[in-house]
Amino acid sequence: MTDQNETKTELRQTGIRVKLIGADGNAFAMIGLVRRALRQAGYGEDFVRAFMDDAASSDYQHLLAVIDKTVVIE
């Protein structure tokens, strides 16, 4: 059961550039790189948690789509 006052944080393109090309292709490593970049850019824990929950909610292709939706991949 969810709290009626609980609002879902919507992900959006942040414009943050994250170098993933040539980085470890492991899903957990990529989530960690993006999570670190979001925190360093000052995004709050609600946004970071929403990213992590969505990114880990399905398969590898979904992970890549969520990362692309949230940051600029370099």
PDB file of N, CA and C in Angstrom:
ATOM      1  N   MET A   1       0.847  -1.181   0.000  1.00  0.00           N
ATOM      2  CA  MET A   1       0.000   0.000   0.000  1.00  0.00           C
ATOM      3  C   MET A   1       0.892   1.242   0.000  1.00  0.00           C
ATOM      4  N   THR A   2       0.577   2.204  -0.843  1.00  0.00           N
ATOM      5  CA  THR A   2       1.380   3.425  -0.916  1.00  0.00           C
ATOM      6  C   THR A   2       0.688   4.559  -0.190  1.00  0.00           C
ATOM      7  N   ASP A   3       1.463   5.455   0.323  1.00  0.00           N
ATOM      8  CA  ASP A   3       0.957   6.644   0.992  1.00  0.00           C
ATOM      9  C   ASP A   3       0.384   7.586  -0.058  1.00  0.00           C
ATOM     10  N   GLN A   4      -0.799   8.096   0.182  1.00  0.00           N
ATOM     11  CA  GLN A   4      -1.431   8.986  -0.793  1.00  0.00           C
ATOM     12  C   GLN A   4      -0.674  10.286  -0.953  1.00  0.00           C
ATOM     13  N   ASN A   5       0.101  10.664   0.054  1.00  0.00           N
ATOM     14  CA  ASN A   5       0.881  11.900  -0.031  1.00  0.00           C
ATOM     15  C   ASN A   5       2.202  11.691  -0.760  1.00  0.00           C
ATOM     16  N   GLU A   6       2.551  10.431  -1.023  1.00  0.00           N
ATOM     17  CA  GLU A   6       3.801  10.115  -1.695  1.00  0.00           C
ATOM     18  C   GLU A   6       3.703  10.468  -3.171  1.00  0.00           C
ATOM     19  N   THR A   7       4.653  11.255  -3.656  1.00  0.00           N
ATOM     20  CA  THR A   7       4.662  11.606  -5.070  1.00  0.00           C
ATOM     21  C   THR A   7       5.830  10.914  -5.741  1.00  0.00           C
ATOM     22  N   LYS A   8       5.605  10.482  -6.941  1.00  0.00           N
ATOM     23  CA  LYS A   8       6.642   9.788  -7.691  1.00  0.00           C
ATOM     24  C   LYS A   8       7.530  10.825  -8.387  1.00  0.00           C
ATOM     25  N   THR A   9       8.831  10.679  -8.211  1.00  0.00           N
ATOM     26  CA  THR A   9       9.779  11.565  -8.869  1.00  0.00           C
ATOM     27  C   THR A   9       9.917  11.132 -10.321  1.00  0.00           C
ATOM     28  N   GLU A  10       9.687  12.043 -11.228  1.00  0.00           N
ATOM     29  CA  GLU A  10       9.791  11.760 -12.659  1.00  0.00           C
ATOM     30  C   GLU A  10      11.208  12.026 -13.135  1.00  0.00           C
ATOM     31  N   LEU A  11      11.730  11.082 -13.880  1.00  0.00           N
ATOM     32  CA  LEU A  11      13.051  11.273 -14.471  1.00  0.00           C
ATOM     33  C   LEU A  11      12.954  12.208 -15.663  1.00  0.00           C
ATOM     34  N   ARG A  12      14.035  12.915 -15.909  1.00  0.00           N
ATOM     35  CA  ARG A  12      14.109  13.826 -17.051  1.00  0.00           C
ATOM     36  C   ARG A  12      15.555  13.903 -17.500  1.00  0.00           C
ATOM     37  N   GLN A  13      15.773  14.424 -18.673  1.00  0.00           N
ATOM     38  CA  GLN A  13      17.121  14.623 -19.196  1.00  0.00           C
ATOM     39  C   GLN A  13      17.772  15.730 -18.382  1.00  0.00           C
ATOM     40  N   THR A  14      18.909  15.440 -17.795  1.00  0.00           N
ATOM     41  CA  THR A  14      19.594  16.407 -16.942  1.00  0.00           C
ATOM     42  C   THR A  14      20.641  17.227 -17.690  1.00  0.00           C
ATOM     43  N   GLY A  15      21.104  16.711 -18.820  1.00  0.00           N
ATOM     44  CA  GLY A  15      22.167  17.380 -19.546  1.00  0.00           C
ATOM     45  C   GLY A  15      23.549  17.068 -19.011  1.00  0.00           C
ATOM     46  N   ILE A  16      23.615  16.262 -17.951  1.00  0.00           N
ATOM     47  CA  ILE A  16      24.903  15.865 -17.383  1.00  0.00           C
ATOM     48  C   ILE A  16      25.576  14.904 -18.353  1.00  0.00           C
ATOM     49  N   ARG A  17      26.851  15.135 -18.602  1.00  0.00           N
ATOM     50  CA  ARG A  17      27.605  14.274 -19.506  1.00  0.00           C
ATOM     51  C   ARG A  17      28.318  13.197 -18.696  1.00  0.00           C
ATOM     52  N   VAL A  18      28.102  11.935 -19.099  1.00  0.00           N
ATOM     53  CA  VAL A  18      28.733  10.801 -18.412  1.00  0.00           C
ATOM     54  C   VAL A  18      29.457   9.962 -19.449  1.00  0.00           C
ATOM     55  N   LYS A  19      30.749   9.726 -19.219  1.00  0.00           N
ATOM     56  CA  LYS A  19      31.547   8.931 -20.160  1.00  0.00           C
ATOM     57  C   LYS A  19      31.290   7.451 -19.893  1.00  0.00           C
ATOM     58  N   LEU A  20      30.500   6.837 -20.749  1.00  0.00           N
ATOM     59  CA  LEU A  20      30.211   5.412 -20.645  1.00  0.00           C
ATOM     60  C   LEU A  20      30.884   4.620 -21.758  1.00  0.00           C
ATOM     61  N   ILE A  21      31.166   5.280 -22.872  1.00  0.00           N
ATOM     62  CA  ILE A  21      31.814   4.593 -23.977  1.00  0.00           C
ATOM     63  C   ILE A  21      33.236   4.259 -23.552  1.00  0.00           C
ATOM     64  N   GLY A  22      33.568   2.982 -23.608  1.00  0.00           N
ATOM     65  CA  GLY A  22      34.866   2.516 -23.167  1.00  0.00           C
ATOM     66  C   GLY A  22      34.915   2.166 -21.692  1.00  0.00           C
ATOM     67  N   ALA A  23      33.826   2.454 -20.964  1.00  0.00           N
ATOM     68  CA  ALA A  23      33.778   2.115 -19.535  1.00  0.00           C
ATOM     69  C   ALA A  23      33.308   0.676 -19.381  1.00  0.00           C
ATOM     70  N   ASP A  24      33.390   0.169 -18.178  1.00  0.00           N
ATOM     71  CA  ASP A  24      32.914  -1.175 -17.870  1.00  0.00           C
ATOM     72  C   ASP A  24      31.442  -1.275 -18.237  1.00  0.00           C
ATOM     73  N   GLY A  25      31.077  -2.281 -19.026  1.00  0.00           N
ATOM     74  CA  GLY A  25      29.700  -2.455 -19.486  1.00  0.00           C
ATOM     75  C   GLY A  25      28.812  -3.173 -18.498  1.00  0.00           C
ATOM     76  N   ASN A  26      29.341  -3.489 -17.330  1.00  0.00           N
ATOM     77  CA  ASN A  26      28.555  -4.127 -16.289  1.00  0.00           C
ATOM     78  C   ASN A  26      27.434  -3.182 -15.844  1.00  0.00           C
ATOM     79  N   ALA A  27      26.229  -3.703 -15.717  1.00  0.00           N
ATOM     80  CA  ALA A  27      25.070  -2.876 -15.368  1.00  0.00           C
ATOM     81  C   ALA A  27      25.284  -2.120 -14.065  1.00  0.00           C
ATOM     82  N   PHE A  28      25.813  -2.796 -13.045  1.00  0.00           N
ATOM     83  CA  PHE A  28      26.015  -2.145 -11.755  1.00  0.00           C
ATOM     84  C   PHE A  28      27.057  -1.038 -11.849  1.00  0.00           C
ATOM     85  N   ALA A  29      28.092  -1.243 -12.643  1.00  0.00           N
ATOM     86  CA  ALA A  29      29.117  -0.211 -12.825  1.00  0.00           C
ATOM     87  C   ALA A  29      28.525   1.017 -13.513  1.00  0.00           C
ATOM     88  N   MET A  30      27.694   0.792 -14.525  1.00  0.00           N
ATOM     89  CA  MET A  30      27.091   1.930 -15.240  1.00  0.00           C
ATOM     90  C   MET A  30      26.122   2.685 -14.342  1.00  0.00           C
ATOM     91  N   ILE A  31      25.311   1.973 -13.581  1.00  0.00           N
ATOM     92  CA  ILE A  31      24.413   2.643 -12.635  1.00  0.00           C
ATOM     93  C   ILE A  31      25.232   3.476 -11.656  1.00  0.00           C
ATOM     94  N   GLY A  32      26.340   2.927 -11.183  1.00  0.00           N
ATOM     95  CA  GLY A  32      27.197   3.653 -10.242  1.00  0.00           C
ATOM     96  C   GLY A  32      27.779   4.922 -10.829  1.00  0.00           C
ATOM     97  N   LEU A  33      28.207   4.876 -12.075  1.00  0.00           N
ATOM     98  CA  LEU A  33      28.756   6.069 -12.728  1.00  0.00           C
ATOM     99  C   LEU A  33      27.705   7.175 -12.837  1.00  0.00           C
ATOM    100  N   VAL A  34      26.506   6.787 -13.255  1.00  0.00           N
ATOM    101  CA  VAL A  34      25.439   7.781 -13.405  1.00  0.00           C
ATOM    102  C   VAL A  34      25.005   8.292 -12.037  1.00  0.00           C
ATOM    103  N   ARG A  35      24.863   7.407 -11.069  1.00  0.00           N
ATOM    104  CA  ARG A  35      24.473   7.821  -9.715  1.00  0.00           C
ATOM    105  C   ARG A  35      25.469   8.840  -9.168  1.00  0.00           C
ATOM    106  N   ARG A  36      26.751   8.559  -9.323  1.00  0.00           N
ATOM    107  CA  ARG A  36      27.799   9.476  -8.839  1.00  0.00           C
ATOM    108  C   ARG A  36      27.692  10.835  -9.535  1.00  0.00           C
ATOM    109  N   ALA A  37      27.495  10.813 -10.852  1.00  0.00           N
ATOM    110  CA  ALA A  37      27.384  12.069 -11.611  1.00  0.00           C
ATOM    111  C   ALA A  37      26.166  12.874 -11.168  1.00  0.00           C
ATOM    112  N   LEU A  38      25.055  12.202 -10.912  1.00  0.00           N
ATOM    113  CA  LEU A  38      23.851  12.911 -10.458  1.00  0.00           C
ATOM    114  C   LEU A  38      24.081  13.554  -9.100  1.00  0.00           C
ATOM    115  N   ARG A  39      24.694  12.808  -8.207  1.00  0.00           N
ATOM    116  CA  ARG A  39      24.967  13.361  -6.865  1.00  0.00           C
ATOM    117  C   ARG A  39      25.933  14.529  -6.934  1.00  0.00           C
ATOM    118  N   GLN A  40      26.991  14.394  -7.756  1.00  0.00           N
ATOM    119  CA  GLN A  40      27.973  15.481  -7.876  1.00  0.00           C
ATOM    120  C   GLN A  40      27.342  16.733  -8.468  1.00  0.00           C
ATOM    121  N   ALA A  41      26.321  16.553  -9.307  1.00  0.00           N
ATOM    122  CA  ALA A  41      25.646  17.703  -9.909  1.00  0.00           C
ATOM    123  C   ALA A  41      24.577  18.296  -8.990  1.00  0.00           C
ATOM    124  N   GLY A  42      24.386  17.689  -7.823  1.00  0.00           N
ATOM    125  CA  GLY A  42      23.477  18.265  -6.844  1.00  0.00           C
ATOM    126  C   GLY A  42      22.049  17.752  -6.897  1.00  0.00           C
ATOM    127  N   TYR A  43      21.819  16.684  -7.636  1.00  0.00           N
ATOM    128  CA  TYR A  43      20.468  16.124  -7.658  1.00  0.00           C
ATOM    129  C   TYR A  43      20.212  15.413  -6.334  1.00  0.00           C
ATOM    130  N   GLY A  44      19.010  15.581  -5.815  1.00  0.00           N
ATOM    131  CA  GLY A  44      18.651  15.026  -4.517  1.00  0.00           C
ATOM    132  C   GLY A  44      18.487  13.515  -4.544  1.00  0.00           C
ATOM    133  N   GLU A  45      18.415  12.962  -3.350  1.00  0.00           N
ATOM    134  CA  GLU A  45      18.296  11.512  -3.215  1.00  0.00           C
ATOM    135  C   GLU A  45      17.015  10.965  -3.832  1.00  0.00           C
ATOM    136  N   ASP A  46      15.941  11.749  -3.847  1.00  0.00           N
ATOM    137  CA  ASP A  46      14.697  11.277  -4.471  1.00  0.00           C
ATOM    138  C   ASP A  46      14.912  11.044  -5.964  1.00  0.00           C
ATOM    139  N   PHE A  47      15.585  11.959  -6.624  1.00  0.00           N
ATOM    140  CA  PHE A  47      15.842  11.821  -8.055  1.00  0.00           C
ATOM    141  C   PHE A  47      16.809  10.669  -8.312  1.00  0.00           C
ATOM    142  N   VAL A  48      17.858  10.579  -7.505  1.00  0.00           N
ATOM    143  CA  VAL A  48      18.849   9.510  -7.663  1.00  0.00           C
ATOM    144  C   VAL A  48      18.185   8.157  -7.438  1.00  0.00           C
ATOM    145  N   ARG A  49      17.354   8.044  -6.413  1.00  0.00           N
ATOM    146  CA  ARG A  49      16.659   6.791  -6.114  1.00  0.00           C
ATOM    147  C   ARG A  49      15.695   6.439  -7.253  1.00  0.00           C
ATOM    148  N   ALA A  50      14.996   7.437  -7.807  1.00  0.00           N
ATOM    149  CA  ALA A  50      14.081   7.177  -8.924  1.00  0.00           C
ATOM    150  C   ALA A  50      14.851   6.648 -10.126  1.00  0.00           C
ATOM    151  N   PHE A  51      16.029   7.230 -10.391  1.00  0.00           N
ATOM    152  CA  PHE A  51      16.865   6.739 -11.480  1.00  0.00           C
ATOM    153  C   PHE A  51      17.259   5.291 -11.235  1.00  0.00           C
ATOM    154  N   MET A  52      17.780   5.008 -10.047  1.00  0.00           N
ATOM    155  CA  MET A  52      18.263   3.661  -9.739  1.00  0.00           C
ATOM    156  C   MET A  52      17.136   2.628  -9.792  1.00  0.00           C
ATOM    157  N   ASP A  53      15.988   2.971  -9.248  1.00  0.00           N
ATOM    158  CA  ASP A  53      14.856   2.039  -9.260  1.00  0.00           C
ATOM    159  C   ASP A  53      14.409   1.737 -10.683  1.00  0.00           C
ATOM    160  N   ASP A  54      14.296   2.783 -11.510  1.00  0.00           N
ATOM    161  CA  ASP A  54      13.857   2.580 -12.894  1.00  0.00           C
ATOM    162  C   ASP A  54      14.915   1.817 -13.689  1.00  0.00           C
ATOM    163  N   ALA A  55      16.168   2.189 -13.521  1.00  0.00           N
ATOM    164  CA  ALA A  55      17.251   1.555 -14.273  1.00  0.00           C
ATOM    165  C   ALA A  55      17.351   0.063 -13.974  1.00  0.00           C
ATOM    166  N   ALA A  56      17.095  -0.314 -12.743  1.00  0.00           N
ATOM    167  CA  ALA A  56      17.228  -1.711 -12.333  1.00  0.00           C
ATOM    168  C   ALA A  56      15.930  -2.500 -12.437  1.00  0.00           C
ATOM    169  N   SER A  57      14.890  -1.901 -12.975  1.00  0.00           N
ATOM    170  CA  SER A  57      13.572  -2.535 -12.964  1.00  0.00           C
ATOM    171  C   SER A  57      13.338  -3.550 -14.074  1.00  0.00           C
ATOM    172  N   SER A  58      14.235  -3.636 -15.034  1.00  0.00           N
ATOM    173  CA  SER A  58      13.979  -4.534 -16.167  1.00  0.00           C
ATOM    174  C   SER A  58      15.302  -5.085 -16.688  1.00  0.00           C
ATOM    175  N   ASP A  59      15.397  -5.218 -17.995  1.00  0.00           N
ATOM    176  CA  ASP A  59      16.575  -5.827 -18.606  1.00  0.00           C
ATOM    177  C   ASP A  59      17.646  -4.784 -18.976  1.00  0.00           C
ATOM    178  N   TYR A  60      18.718  -5.269 -19.579  1.00  0.00           N
ATOM    179  CA  TYR A  60      19.865  -4.427 -19.935  1.00  0.00           C
ATOM    180  C   TYR A  60      19.476  -3.334 -20.929  1.00  0.00           C
ATOM    181  N   GLN A  61      18.627  -3.665 -21.898  1.00  0.00           N
ATOM    182  CA  GLN A  61      18.187  -2.658 -22.881  1.00  0.00           C
ATOM    183  C   GLN A  61      17.412  -1.535 -22.200  1.00  0.00           C
ATOM    184  N   HIS A  62      16.591  -1.894 -21.222  1.00  0.00           N
ATOM    185  CA  HIS A  62      15.843  -0.880 -20.466  1.00  0.00           C
ATOM    186  C   HIS A  62      16.816  -0.002 -19.681  1.00  0.00           C
ATOM    187  N   LEU A  63      17.822  -0.622 -19.082  1.00  0.00           N
ATOM    188  CA  LEU A  63      18.851   0.127 -18.355  1.00  0.00           C
ATOM    189  C   LEU A  63      19.480   1.180 -19.260  1.00  0.00           C
ATOM    190  N   LEU A  64      19.883   0.774 -20.456  1.00  0.00           N
ATOM    191  CA  LEU A  64      20.505   1.714 -21.389  1.00  0.00           C
ATOM    192  C   LEU A  64      19.550   2.844 -21.766  1.00  0.00           C
ATOM    193  N   ALA A  65      18.281   2.513 -21.960  1.00  0.00           N
ATOM    194  CA  ALA A  65      17.287   3.531 -22.319  1.00  0.00           C
ATOM    195  C   ALA A  65      17.099   4.538 -21.179  1.00  0.00           C
ATOM    196  N   VAL A  66      17.064   4.053 -19.955  1.00  0.00           N
ATOM    197  CA  VAL A  66      16.898   4.949 -18.801  1.00  0.00           C
ATOM    198  C   VAL A  66      18.115   5.853 -18.646  1.00  0.00           C
ATOM    199  N   ILE A  67      19.302   5.294 -18.812  1.00  0.00           N
ATOM    200  CA  ILE A  67      20.514   6.112 -18.733  1.00  0.00           C
ATOM    201  C   ILE A  67      20.480   7.193 -19.812  1.00  0.00           C
ATOM    202  N   ASP A  68      20.135   6.803 -21.043  1.00  0.00           N
ATOM    203  CA  ASP A  68      20.070   7.756 -22.145  1.00  0.00           C
ATOM    204  C   ASP A  68      19.021   8.829 -21.923  1.00  0.00           C
ATOM    205  N   LYS A  69      17.936   8.460 -21.242  1.00  0.00           N
ATOM    206  CA  LYS A  69      16.857   9.414 -20.946  1.00  0.00           C
ATOM    207  C   LYS A  69      17.285  10.399 -19.856  1.00  0.00           C
ATOM    208  N   THR A  70      18.262  10.009 -19.039  1.00  0.00           N
ATOM    209  CA  THR A  70      18.610  10.807 -17.863  1.00  0.00           C
ATOM    210  C   THR A  70      19.862  11.648 -18.042  1.00  0.00           C
ATOM    211  N   VAL A  71      20.866  11.104 -18.748  1.00  0.00           N
ATOM    212  CA  VAL A  71      22.133  11.833 -18.929  1.00  0.00           C
ATOM    213  C   VAL A  71      22.540  11.780 -20.402  1.00  0.00           C
ATOM    214  N   VAL A  72      23.532  12.580 -20.748  1.00  0.00           N
ATOM    215  CA  VAL A  72      24.117  12.571 -22.084  1.00  0.00           C
ATOM    216  C   VAL A  72      25.284  11.592 -22.052  1.00  0.00           C
ATOM    217  N   ILE A  73      25.199  10.551 -22.841  1.00  0.00           N
ATOM    218  CA  ILE A  73      26.241   9.533 -22.874  1.00  0.00           C
ATOM    219  C   ILE A  73      27.384   9.984 -23.764  1.00  0.00           C
ATOM    220  N   GLU A  74      28.584   9.907 -23.237  1.00  0.00           N
ATOM    221  CA  GLU A  74      29.784  10.239 -24.020  1.00  0.00           C
ATOM    222  C   GLU A  74      30.594   8.990 -24.226  1.00  0.00           C
TER     223      GLU A  74
END
